[in-house]
Amino acid sequence: MPSPAVLALGTIALCASGCVWYLPAAADLRAGADRPVSRRLAAAACLTVWATVALSAPLLLAAASWTTLGAVTAVGTGAAVLLAALARARRGHEERATRRTWVALRLRPPARARPSGAARSTRLFLCWFLPGYAVAAGALAVVLVAGR
């Protein structure tokens, strides 16, 4: 089984490479009222996930128990899922309000555009990332159980 220092180093490398997600999310939060509430909630969810990953590195270096590490991860993931669900619900409210505004102006709302290339590539990434993440988590669980 790898030492906690090696796992912490891998976690730090993962956090460094995740800047493509958490830096734009931080910018969205700093923009404040210039961004819709749904976008700020989604940014908070993103930052919560990355903060949870970043918090695991010092816990690994401090040789915290796997139970503690699992509890921190579960709480962080739960908070991020809750924020993402709130962002999704809020976005629906914002879209309905926009449609009502167009109707009140007696104008036809613009047609919904097809998802952009970025949205499609995000879906494609998640279709590969989530199963890979599940396999990696399962492999880690097997290594931990077999190591005992």
N, C-alpha and C. Protein backbone atom coordinates (compact mmCIF):
# COMPACT_ATOMS: atom_id res chain seq x y z
N MET A 1 0.85 -1.18 0.00
CA MET A 1 0.00 0.00 0.00
C MET A 1 0.89 1.24 0.00
N PRO A 2 0.54 2.26 -0.83
CA PRO A 2 1.37 3.47 -0.88
C PRO A 2 1.33 4.21 0.45
N SER A 3 2.39 4.93 0.72
CA SER A 3 2.46 5.69 1.96
C SER A 3 1.53 6.89 1.88
N PRO A 4 1.12 7.40 3.05
CA PRO A 4 0.26 8.58 3.04
C PRO A 4 0.91 9.78 2.36
N ALA A 5 2.24 9.87 2.42
CA ALA A 5 2.92 11.00 1.76
C ALA A 5 2.75 10.94 0.25
N VAL A 6 2.81 9.73 -0.31
CA VAL A 6 2.63 9.58 -1.76
C VAL A 6 1.19 9.92 -2.15
N LEU A 7 0.23 9.47 -1.34
CA LEU A 7 -1.17 9.80 -1.61
C LEU A 7 -1.40 11.31 -1.50
N ALA A 8 -0.77 11.95 -0.51
CA ALA A 8 -0.90 13.41 -0.36
C ALA A 8 -0.29 14.13 -1.55
N LEU A 9 0.85 13.65 -2.03
CA LEU A 9 1.48 14.26 -3.20
C LEU A 9 0.57 14.14 -4.43
N GLY A 10 -0.04 12.98 -4.61
CA GLY A 10 -0.98 12.81 -5.72
C GLY A 10 -2.19 13.72 -5.59
N THR A 11 -2.66 13.90 -4.36
CA THR A 11 -3.79 14.80 -4.13
C THR A 11 -3.42 16.24 -4.45
N ILE A 12 -2.21 16.64 -4.08
CA ILE A 12 -1.76 18.00 -4.37
C ILE A 12 -1.64 18.20 -5.88
N ALA A 13 -1.12 17.20 -6.58
CA ALA A 13 -1.02 17.30 -8.04
C ALA A 13 -2.40 17.39 -8.68
N LEU A 14 -3.34 16.63 -8.15
CA LEU A 14 -4.72 16.68 -8.65
C LEU A 14 -5.31 18.07 -8.44
N CYS A 15 -5.07 18.64 -7.26
CA CYS A 15 -5.59 19.98 -6.98
C CYS A 15 -4.96 21.03 -7.89
N ALA A 16 -3.68 20.88 -8.16
CA ALA A 16 -3.02 21.85 -9.05
C ALA A 16 -3.61 21.77 -10.45
N SER A 17 -3.91 20.57 -10.91
CA SER A 17 -4.47 20.43 -12.26
C SER A 17 -5.94 20.83 -12.32
N GLY A 18 -6.61 20.91 -11.18
CA GLY A 18 -8.02 21.28 -11.15
C GLY A 18 -8.28 22.76 -11.25
N CYS A 19 -7.23 23.55 -11.42
CA CYS A 19 -7.41 25.00 -11.46
C CYS A 19 -8.29 25.44 -12.63
N VAL A 20 -8.40 24.60 -13.66
CA VAL A 20 -9.26 24.97 -14.79
C VAL A 20 -10.73 25.01 -14.38
N TRP A 21 -11.06 24.39 -13.24
CA TRP A 21 -12.44 24.45 -12.75
C TRP A 21 -12.59 25.45 -11.62
N TYR A 22 -11.67 25.42 -10.64
CA TYR A 22 -11.92 26.25 -9.47
C TYR A 22 -11.55 27.72 -9.65
N LEU A 23 -10.65 28.06 -10.56
CA LEU A 23 -10.36 29.49 -10.78
C LEU A 23 -11.53 30.23 -11.44
N PRO A 24 -12.16 29.67 -12.50
CA PRO A 24 -13.36 30.35 -13.03
C PRO A 24 -14.50 30.39 -12.02
N ALA A 25 -14.61 29.35 -11.19
CA ALA A 25 -15.66 29.35 -10.17
C ALA A 25 -15.41 30.44 -9.15
N ALA A 26 -14.16 30.62 -8.76
CA ALA A 26 -13.83 31.70 -7.82
C ALA A 26 -14.12 33.06 -8.45
N ALA A 27 -13.84 33.20 -9.74
CA ALA A 27 -14.14 34.46 -10.42
C ALA A 27 -15.65 34.73 -10.45
N ASP A 28 -16.44 33.67 -10.65
CA ASP A 28 -17.89 33.84 -10.64
C ASP A 28 -18.39 34.30 -9.27
N LEU A 29 -17.82 33.75 -8.22
CA LEU A 29 -18.23 34.18 -6.87
C LEU A 29 -17.79 35.61 -6.58
N ARG A 30 -16.59 35.96 -7.02
CA ARG A 30 -16.10 37.32 -6.79
C ARG A 30 -16.90 38.35 -7.58
N ALA A 31 -17.48 37.95 -8.69
CA ALA A 31 -18.27 38.88 -9.50
C ALA A 31 -19.54 39.31 -8.79
N GLY A 32 -19.97 38.49 -7.84
CA GLY A 32 -21.14 38.85 -7.03
C GLY A 32 -22.40 38.97 -7.85
N ALA A 33 -23.09 40.10 -7.69
CA ALA A 33 -24.40 40.29 -8.31
C ALA A 33 -24.33 40.39 -9.83
N ASP A 34 -23.14 40.47 -10.39
CA ASP A 34 -23.03 40.49 -11.85
C ASP A 34 -23.35 39.13 -12.46
N ARG A 35 -23.36 38.09 -11.66
CA ARG A 35 -23.67 36.74 -12.12
C ARG A 35 -25.01 36.31 -11.53
N PRO A 36 -25.75 35.48 -12.26
CA PRO A 36 -27.02 34.98 -11.71
C PRO A 36 -26.77 34.12 -10.46
N VAL A 37 -27.77 34.04 -9.62
CA VAL A 37 -27.66 33.27 -8.39
C VAL A 37 -27.34 31.81 -8.70
N SER A 38 -27.96 31.27 -9.75
CA SER A 38 -27.72 29.86 -10.07
C SER A 38 -26.25 29.62 -10.41
N ARG A 39 -25.64 30.55 -11.10
CA ARG A 39 -24.23 30.39 -11.47
C ARG A 39 -23.33 30.50 -10.25
N ARG A 40 -23.69 31.38 -9.32
CA ARG A 40 -22.90 31.50 -8.09
C ARG A 40 -23.04 30.26 -7.22
N LEU A 41 -24.24 29.68 -7.18
CA LEU A 41 -24.42 28.44 -6.43
C LEU A 41 -23.62 27.29 -7.05
N ALA A 42 -23.62 27.21 -8.36
CA ALA A 42 -22.83 26.18 -9.04
C ALA A 42 -21.35 26.39 -8.78
N ALA A 43 -20.91 27.63 -8.76
CA ALA A 43 -19.50 27.92 -8.46
C ALA A 43 -19.16 27.53 -7.03
N ALA A 44 -20.08 27.78 -6.11
CA ALA A 44 -19.85 27.38 -4.72
C ALA A 44 -19.75 25.86 -4.60
N ALA A 45 -20.57 25.15 -5.37
CA ALA A 45 -20.49 23.68 -5.37
C ALA A 45 -19.13 23.21 -5.88
N CYS A 46 -18.67 23.82 -6.94
CA CYS A 46 -17.36 23.47 -7.51
C CYS A 46 -16.24 23.72 -6.50
N LEU A 47 -16.27 24.88 -5.87
CA LEU A 47 -15.24 25.20 -4.89
C LEU A 47 -15.31 24.29 -3.67
N THR A 48 -16.50 23.86 -3.31
CA THR A 48 -16.64 22.93 -2.18
C THR A 48 -15.99 21.59 -2.50
N VAL A 49 -16.19 21.11 -3.72
CA VAL A 49 -15.55 19.85 -4.12
C VAL A 49 -14.04 19.98 -4.06
N TRP A 50 -13.51 21.04 -4.64
CA TRP A 50 -12.05 21.18 -4.67
C TRP A 50 -11.48 21.47 -3.30
N ALA A 51 -12.21 22.17 -2.45
CA ALA A 51 -11.75 22.39 -1.07
C ALA A 51 -11.71 21.07 -0.31
N THR A 52 -12.66 20.20 -0.58
CA THR A 52 -12.66 18.88 0.06
C THR A 52 -11.45 18.07 -0.37
N VAL A 53 -11.15 18.11 -1.65
CA VAL A 53 -9.96 17.40 -2.15
C VAL A 53 -8.70 18.00 -1.55
N ALA A 54 -8.62 19.32 -1.49
CA ALA A 54 -7.44 19.99 -0.95
C ALA A 54 -7.28 19.69 0.54
N LEU A 55 -8.38 19.57 1.27
CA LEU A 55 -8.32 19.27 2.70
C LEU A 55 -7.82 17.85 2.97
N SER A 56 -8.01 16.97 2.01
CA SER A 56 -7.57 15.60 2.24
C SER A 56 -6.04 15.47 2.25
N ALA A 57 -5.32 16.36 1.57
CA ALA A 57 -3.85 16.28 1.54
C ALA A 57 -3.25 16.46 2.94
N PRO A 58 -3.60 17.51 3.69
CA PRO A 58 -3.02 17.62 5.04
C PRO A 58 -3.48 16.49 5.96
N LEU A 59 -4.70 16.02 5.75
CA LEU A 59 -5.16 14.89 6.57
C LEU A 59 -4.33 13.64 6.29
N LEU A 60 -3.99 13.44 5.02
CA LEU A 60 -3.14 12.30 4.68
C LEU A 60 -1.75 12.45 5.28
N LEU A 61 -1.20 13.65 5.21
CA LEU A 61 0.13 13.89 5.77
C LEU A 61 0.14 13.76 7.29
N ALA A 62 -0.97 14.12 7.93
CA ALA A 62 -1.07 14.01 9.39
C ALA A 62 -1.39 12.59 9.82
N ALA A 63 -1.49 11.69 8.86
CA ALA A 63 -1.80 10.28 9.14
C ALA A 63 -3.12 10.14 9.89
N ALA A 64 -4.10 10.93 9.47
CA ALA A 64 -5.43 10.81 10.06
C ALA A 64 -6.01 9.45 9.69
N SER A 65 -6.93 8.99 10.50
CA SER A 65 -7.53 7.67 10.24
C SER A 65 -8.35 7.72 8.95
N TRP A 66 -8.53 6.55 8.36
CA TRP A 66 -9.32 6.47 7.14
C TRP A 66 -10.77 6.85 7.42
N THR A 67 -11.22 6.61 8.64
CA THR A 67 -12.58 6.98 9.01
C THR A 67 -12.74 8.50 8.99
N THR A 68 -11.74 9.20 9.53
CA THR A 68 -11.78 10.67 9.51
C THR A 68 -11.74 11.19 8.09
N LEU A 69 -10.85 10.63 7.29
CA LEU A 69 -10.75 11.05 5.89
C LEU A 69 -12.05 10.79 5.14
N GLY A 70 -12.66 9.64 5.39
CA GLY A 70 -13.94 9.32 4.75
C GLY A 70 -15.05 10.24 5.20
N ALA A 71 -15.06 10.59 6.48
CA ALA A 71 -16.10 11.49 6.99
C ALA A 71 -15.97 12.88 6.38
N VAL A 72 -14.75 13.38 6.30
CA VAL A 72 -14.53 14.70 5.69
C VAL A 72 -14.96 14.68 4.23
N THR A 73 -14.60 13.62 3.53
CA THR A 73 -14.96 13.50 2.12
C THR A 73 -16.48 13.41 1.95
N ALA A 74 -17.13 12.65 2.82
CA ALA A 74 -18.58 12.50 2.72
C ALA A 74 -19.30 13.82 2.98
N VAL A 75 -18.85 14.57 3.98
CA VAL A 75 -19.48 15.85 4.30
C VAL A 75 -19.27 16.84 3.15
N GLY A 76 -18.04 16.92 2.64
CA GLY A 76 -17.76 17.83 1.54
C GLY A 76 -18.54 17.49 0.28
N THR A 77 -18.60 16.20 -0.03
CA THR A 77 -19.35 15.77 -1.21
C THR A 77 -20.84 16.04 -1.04
N GLY A 78 -21.35 15.77 0.14
CA GLY A 78 -22.77 16.03 0.40
C GLY A 78 -23.12 17.51 0.26
N ALA A 79 -22.26 18.37 0.80
CA ALA A 79 -22.49 19.81 0.68
C ALA A 79 -22.45 20.25 -0.79
N ALA A 80 -21.50 19.70 -1.55
CA ALA A 80 -21.39 20.07 -2.96
C ALA A 80 -22.60 19.59 -3.75
N VAL A 81 -23.07 18.40 -3.47
CA VAL A 81 -24.26 17.89 -4.17
C VAL A 81 -25.48 18.75 -3.84
N LEU A 82 -25.62 19.14 -2.58
CA LEU A 82 -26.73 20.00 -2.19
C LEU A 82 -26.66 21.34 -2.91
N LEU A 83 -25.48 21.95 -2.96
CA LEU A 83 -25.33 23.23 -3.66
C LEU A 83 -25.61 23.09 -5.16
N ALA A 84 -25.15 21.99 -5.75
CA ALA A 84 -25.40 21.78 -7.18
C ALA A 84 -26.89 21.60 -7.46
N ALA A 85 -27.59 20.89 -6.57
CA ALA A 85 -29.04 20.71 -6.74
C ALA A 85 -29.77 22.04 -6.60
N LEU A 86 -29.36 22.85 -5.64
CA LEU A 86 -29.96 24.18 -5.49
C LEU A 86 -29.69 25.05 -6.71
N ALA A 87 -28.49 24.96 -7.26
CA ALA A 87 -28.15 25.73 -8.47
C ALA A 87 -29.03 25.31 -9.63
N ARG A 88 -29.23 24.02 -9.78
CA ARG A 88 -30.06 23.51 -10.88
C ARG A 88 -31.50 24.00 -10.74
N ALA A 89 -32.04 23.92 -9.52
CA ALA A 89 -33.42 24.38 -9.29
C ALA A 89 -33.53 25.88 -9.53
N ARG A 90 -32.56 26.63 -9.05
CA ARG A 90 -32.59 28.08 -9.22
C ARG A 90 -32.50 28.46 -10.70
N ARG A 91 -31.70 27.71 -11.45
CA ARG A 91 -31.59 28.00 -12.89
C ARG A 91 -32.95 27.81 -13.59
N GLY A 92 -33.68 26.78 -13.19
CA GLY A 92 -35.02 26.58 -13.74
C GLY A 92 -35.93 27.76 -13.44
N HIS A 93 -35.87 28.28 -12.20
CA HIS A 93 -36.67 29.46 -11.84
C HIS A 93 -36.27 30.67 -12.68
N GLU A 94 -34.98 30.84 -12.87
CA GLU A 94 -34.51 31.98 -13.66
C GLU A 94 -34.95 31.88 -15.12
N GLU A 95 -34.91 30.68 -15.69
CA GLU A 95 -35.35 30.51 -17.07
C GLU A 95 -36.84 30.77 -17.21
N ARG A 96 -37.64 30.31 -16.25
CA ARG A 96 -39.09 30.56 -16.31
C ARG A 96 -39.39 32.05 -16.16
N ALA A 97 -38.65 32.74 -15.31
CA ALA A 97 -38.85 34.19 -15.15
C ALA A 97 -38.50 34.92 -16.44
N THR A 98 -37.45 34.48 -17.10
CA THR A 98 -37.07 35.10 -18.37
C THR A 98 -38.16 34.90 -19.42
N ARG A 99 -38.72 33.69 -19.48
CA ARG A 99 -39.81 33.44 -20.45
C ARG A 99 -41.03 34.29 -20.14
N ARG A 100 -41.36 34.42 -18.83
CA ARG A 100 -42.50 35.27 -18.46
C ARG A 100 -42.27 36.72 -18.87
N THR A 101 -41.04 37.18 -18.75
CA THR A 101 -40.72 38.55 -19.15
C THR A 101 -40.93 38.74 -20.65
N TRP A 102 -40.49 37.78 -21.44
CA TRP A 102 -40.69 37.87 -22.89
C TRP A 102 -42.17 37.89 -23.23
N VAL A 103 -42.95 37.07 -22.54
CA VAL A 103 -44.39 37.04 -22.80
C VAL A 103 -45.02 38.37 -22.40
N ALA A 104 -44.59 38.93 -21.27
CA ALA A 104 -45.14 40.22 -20.83
C ALA A 104 -44.81 41.33 -21.82
N LEU A 105 -43.70 41.23 -22.49
CA LEU A 105 -43.33 42.21 -23.50
C LEU A 105 -44.03 41.95 -24.84
N ARG A 106 -44.80 40.88 -24.87
CA ARG A 106 -45.53 40.45 -26.07
C ARG A 106 -44.58 40.21 -27.24
N LEU A 107 -43.45 39.64 -26.91
CA LEU A 107 -42.47 39.25 -27.92
C LEU A 107 -42.25 37.75 -27.83
N ARG A 108 -41.88 37.20 -28.93
CA ARG A 108 -41.59 35.77 -28.92
C ARG A 108 -40.18 35.56 -28.35
N PRO A 109 -40.08 34.69 -27.35
CA PRO A 109 -38.74 34.47 -26.78
C PRO A 109 -37.82 33.85 -27.81
N PRO A 110 -36.55 34.13 -27.70
CA PRO A 110 -35.60 33.52 -28.64
C PRO A 110 -35.62 32.00 -28.50
N ALA A 111 -35.42 31.35 -29.60
CA ALA A 111 -35.43 29.88 -29.57
C ALA A 111 -34.26 29.41 -28.72
N ARG A 112 -34.51 28.31 -28.04
CA ARG A 112 -33.45 27.72 -27.23
C ARG A 112 -32.36 27.18 -28.16
N ALA A 113 -31.18 27.62 -27.90
CA ALA A 113 -30.06 27.18 -28.73
C ALA A 113 -29.66 25.75 -28.37
N ARG A 114 -29.11 25.07 -29.34
CA ARG A 114 -28.55 23.75 -29.05
C ARG A 114 -27.39 23.94 -28.10
N PRO A 115 -27.10 22.92 -27.32
CA PRO A 115 -25.97 23.05 -26.40
C PRO A 115 -24.69 23.40 -27.17
N SER A 116 -23.93 24.28 -26.58
CA SER A 116 -22.69 24.70 -27.23
C SER A 116 -21.67 23.57 -27.22
N GLY A 117 -20.60 23.79 -27.92
CA GLY A 117 -19.54 22.78 -27.94
C GLY A 117 -18.99 22.54 -26.54
N ALA A 118 -18.94 23.60 -25.72
CA ALA A 118 -18.44 23.45 -24.36
C ALA A 118 -19.37 22.56 -23.54
N ALA A 119 -20.68 22.74 -23.70
CA ALA A 119 -21.62 21.92 -22.94
C ALA A 119 -21.53 20.45 -23.37
N ARG A 120 -21.39 20.23 -24.67
CA ARG A 120 -21.27 18.84 -25.14
C ARG A 120 -19.98 18.22 -24.67
N SER A 121 -18.89 18.98 -24.70
CA SER A 121 -17.62 18.41 -24.26
C SER A 121 -17.63 18.16 -22.76
N THR A 122 -18.36 18.99 -21.99
CA THR A 122 -18.48 18.75 -20.56
C THR A 122 -19.24 17.45 -20.30
N ARG A 123 -20.33 17.24 -21.04
CA ARG A 123 -21.07 15.99 -20.87
C ARG A 123 -20.22 14.79 -21.24
N LEU A 124 -19.48 14.91 -22.31
CA LEU A 124 -18.61 13.82 -22.74
C LEU A 124 -17.53 13.55 -21.69
N PHE A 125 -16.95 14.61 -21.15
CA PHE A 125 -15.95 14.45 -20.10
C PHE A 125 -16.55 13.73 -18.89
N LEU A 126 -17.74 14.15 -18.47
CA LEU A 126 -18.36 13.51 -17.31
C LEU A 126 -18.71 12.06 -17.58
N CYS A 127 -19.08 11.74 -18.81
CA CYS A 127 -19.39 10.34 -19.15
C CYS A 127 -18.15 9.46 -19.02
N TRP A 128 -16.98 10.03 -19.23
CA TRP A 128 -15.73 9.27 -19.05
C TRP A 128 -15.19 9.41 -17.64
N PHE A 129 -15.33 10.58 -17.05
CA PHE A 129 -14.74 10.84 -15.74
C PHE A 129 -15.45 10.07 -14.63
N LEU A 130 -16.77 10.15 -14.59
CA LEU A 130 -17.49 9.53 -13.48
C LEU A 130 -17.28 8.02 -13.41
N PRO A 131 -17.41 7.27 -14.51
CA PRO A 131 -17.10 5.84 -14.40
C PRO A 131 -15.64 5.57 -14.01
N GLY A 132 -14.73 6.37 -14.54
CA GLY A 132 -13.32 6.21 -14.17
C GLY A 132 -13.09 6.50 -12.70
N TYR A 133 -13.77 7.52 -12.20
CA TYR A 133 -13.67 7.87 -10.78
C TYR A 133 -14.22 6.74 -9.93
N ALA A 134 -15.34 6.17 -10.34
CA ALA A 134 -15.93 5.05 -9.59
C ALA A 134 -15.01 3.84 -9.57
N VAL A 135 -14.38 3.55 -10.71
CA VAL A 135 -13.45 2.42 -10.78
C VAL A 135 -12.24 2.69 -9.88
N ALA A 136 -11.72 3.91 -9.91
CA ALA A 136 -10.56 4.24 -9.07
C ALA A 136 -10.91 4.16 -7.58
N ALA A 137 -12.09 4.65 -7.22
CA ALA A 137 -12.52 4.59 -5.82
C ALA A 137 -12.70 3.13 -5.39
N GLY A 138 -13.28 2.32 -6.27
CA GLY A 138 -13.44 0.89 -5.96
C GLY A 138 -12.10 0.19 -5.82
N ALA A 139 -11.16 0.53 -6.70
CA ALA A 139 -9.82 -0.08 -6.61
C ALA A 139 -9.13 0.33 -5.32
N LEU A 140 -9.28 1.60 -4.92
CA LEU A 140 -8.69 2.05 -3.66
C LEU A 140 -9.32 1.32 -2.47
N ALA A 141 -10.63 1.13 -2.52
CA ALA A 141 -11.30 0.41 -1.45
C ALA A 141 -10.80 -1.03 -1.36
N VAL A 142 -10.60 -1.66 -2.50
CA VAL A 142 -10.10 -3.04 -2.51
C VAL A 142 -8.68 -3.08 -1.93
N VAL A 143 -7.83 -2.12 -2.31
CA VAL A 143 -6.47 -2.07 -1.80
C VAL A 143 -6.47 -1.86 -0.29
N LEU A 144 -7.35 -0.98 0.18
CA LEU A 144 -7.41 -0.73 1.62
C LEU A 144 -7.90 -1.94 2.40
N VAL A 145 -8.91 -2.61 1.87
CA VAL A 145 -9.44 -3.79 2.54
C VAL A 145 -8.43 -4.93 2.48
N ALA A 146 -7.79 -5.10 1.35
CA ALA A 146 -6.81 -6.19 1.21
C ALA A 146 -5.57 -5.90 2.05
N GLY A 147 -5.24 -4.65 2.27
CA GLY A 147 -4.08 -4.29 3.07
C GLY A 147 -4.26 -4.58 4.55
N ARG A 148 -5.48 -4.66 4.99
CA ARG A 148 -5.75 -4.94 6.40
C ARG A 148 -5.68 -6.41 6.57
